[in-house]
Amino acid sequence: FAKGNIYWSSTTGAHAVTGAYWNAWKEAGFQPAIGYPTSRVMCGLYGGGCYQAFSKGNVYWTSATGAHAVTEPYRDAWRQAGWQMGGLGYPKAAAVAYLGYRTVAFQGGSMTWTSAGVTVNYS
């Protein structure tokens, strides 16, 4: 399609991925990283955010940060830190285990994933 694509799997059904969400899905590693889309884009999150759910994580978007995927183990650490309402705010880069051990920037700090787990650091 001119403005996006529709993706289907037998477990998730068919859902469109467009624009910034498609770019974030690509940045994260597509299906091997966060799976297939399971919903449409939904808005109304704290701070004017939106998200699109995927089978292994979500892509979050704000006008300030753009769109970025969050999967486990980052997602659980982000939840414990208060999601986007906590001190970390929204992600500024893909936070996906598929990309390996690394530090991921958030608006208010960062998360570092190693074999010992996820460490949250506030700016």
Protein backbone atom coordinates (compact mmCIF):
# COMPACT_ATOMS: atom_id res chain seq x y z
CA PHE A 1 0.00 0.00 0.00
CA ALA A 2 1.14 3.58 -0.49
CA LYS A 3 1.41 4.42 3.22
CA GLY A 4 2.19 1.09 4.88
CA ASN A 5 1.72 -2.65 4.81
CA ILE A 6 -0.67 -5.18 6.28
CA TYR A 7 0.91 -8.14 8.03
CA TRP A 8 -0.84 -11.40 8.90
CA SER A 9 -0.08 -14.51 10.91
CA SER A 10 -2.41 -17.30 11.96
CA THR A 11 -2.07 -16.32 15.64
CA THR A 12 -2.29 -12.52 15.34
CA GLY A 13 -4.57 -11.91 12.38
CA ALA A 14 -4.07 -9.01 9.97
CA HIS A 15 -2.94 -5.55 11.11
CA ALA A 16 -1.46 -2.55 9.33
CA VAL A 17 1.96 -1.14 10.26
CA THR A 18 2.66 2.34 8.91
CA GLY A 19 5.02 5.30 9.13
CA ALA A 20 7.01 5.70 12.32
CA TYR A 21 5.72 2.38 13.67
CA TRP A 22 7.06 0.50 10.64
CA ASN A 23 10.43 2.27 11.03
CA ALA A 24 10.53 1.31 14.73
CA TRP A 25 9.62 -2.29 13.87
CA LYS A 26 12.51 -2.31 11.38
CA GLU A 27 14.89 -0.70 13.93
CA ALA A 28 13.94 -3.40 16.44
CA GLY A 29 14.50 -6.33 14.07
CA PHE A 30 11.02 -7.00 12.64
CA GLN A 31 9.32 -10.35 13.39
CA PRO A 32 12.29 -12.13 15.04
CA ALA A 33 12.52 -9.34 17.62
CA ILE A 34 8.99 -8.23 18.49
CA GLY A 35 6.78 -10.50 16.40
CA TYR A 36 3.79 -9.58 14.30
CA PRO A 37 1.41 -6.68 15.01
CA THR A 38 -1.58 -7.61 17.18
CA SER A 39 -3.45 -4.29 17.19
CA ARG A 40 -3.86 -0.97 15.48
CA VAL A 41 -2.18 2.18 16.83
CA MET A 42 -3.85 3.35 20.03
CA CYS A 43 -3.37 6.79 21.57
CA GLY A 44 -4.22 8.45 24.86
CA LEU A 45 -1.21 7.38 26.90
CA TYR A 46 0.37 9.64 29.51
CA GLY A 47 2.20 12.60 27.96
CA GLY A 48 0.42 12.35 24.61
CA GLY A 49 1.87 8.95 23.76
CA CYS A 50 0.58 6.25 21.45
CA TYR A 51 1.48 2.60 20.98
CA GLN A 52 1.00 -0.39 18.72
CA ALA A 53 1.06 -3.88 20.24
CA PHE A 54 3.11 -6.71 18.74
CA SER A 55 3.21 -10.35 19.84
CA LYS A 56 6.52 -9.92 21.73
CA GLY A 57 6.40 -6.25 22.76
CA ASN A 58 5.06 -2.83 21.87
CA VAL A 59 6.15 0.18 19.85
CA TYR A 60 5.68 3.45 21.77
CA TRP A 61 5.55 6.88 20.13
CA THR A 62 5.53 10.52 21.25
CA SER A 63 6.22 13.67 19.26
CA ALA A 64 9.28 14.26 21.46
CA THR A 65 10.86 10.80 21.15
CA GLY A 66 9.56 9.27 17.95
CA ALA A 67 8.62 5.58 17.85
CA HIS A 68 10.66 2.84 19.54
CA ALA A 69 10.05 -0.79 20.46
CA VAL A 70 10.23 -2.18 24.00
CA THR A 71 10.41 -5.94 24.71
CA GLU A 72 11.47 -8.14 27.60
CA PRO A 73 13.47 -7.87 29.75
CA TYR A 74 13.36 -4.09 29.34
CA ARG A 75 9.56 -3.97 29.43
CA ASP A 76 9.37 -5.55 32.90
CA ALA A 77 12.04 -3.18 34.24
CA TRP A 78 10.19 -0.23 32.68
CA ARG A 79 6.93 -1.43 34.28
CA GLN A 80 8.63 -1.63 37.68
CA ALA A 81 9.98 1.90 37.16
CA GLY A 82 6.46 3.26 36.52
CA TRP A 83 6.21 2.93 32.73
CA GLN A 84 6.18 6.30 30.93
CA MET A 85 4.76 8.01 34.04
CA GLY A 86 7.88 7.12 36.06
CA GLY A 87 11.25 8.80 36.05
CA LEU A 88 12.42 7.15 32.84
CA GLY A 89 9.68 8.52 30.59
CA TYR A 90 9.51 7.14 27.04
CA PRO A 91 12.28 5.23 25.20
CA LYS A 92 14.55 7.15 22.82
CA ALA A 93 15.84 3.99 21.08
CA ALA A 94 14.77 0.39 20.59
CA ALA A 95 14.85 -1.58 23.84
CA VAL A 96 14.80 -5.14 22.55
CA ALA A 97 16.67 -8.21 23.71
CA TYR A 98 17.06 -9.31 20.08
CA LEU A 99 19.77 -6.66 19.66
CA GLY A 100 21.90 -8.16 22.46
CA TYR A 101 23.22 -6.79 25.72
CA ARG A 102 23.21 -3.01 25.65
CA THR A 103 22.27 0.30 27.22
CA VAL A 104 19.08 1.97 26.01
CA ALA A 105 18.35 5.69 26.42
CA PHE A 106 15.04 6.89 27.84
CA GLN A 107 13.93 10.49 28.34
CA GLY A 108 14.91 10.46 32.01
CA GLY A 109 17.75 7.96 32.12
CA SER A 110 18.75 4.60 30.72
CA MET A 111 18.50 0.86 31.18
CA THR A 112 21.42 -1.52 30.80
CA TRP A 113 20.83 -5.20 30.14
CA THR A 114 23.50 -7.78 30.99
CA SER A 115 23.43 -11.45 31.91
CA ALA A 116 22.87 -10.28 35.51
CA GLY A 117 19.62 -8.51 34.58
CA VAL A 118 18.47 -4.96 33.85
CA THR A 119 19.85 -1.97 35.72
CA VAL A 120 17.88 1.30 35.68
CA ASN A 121 19.84 4.56 35.85
CA TYR A 122 18.13 7.94 36.17
CA SER A 123 19.66 11.13 34.73
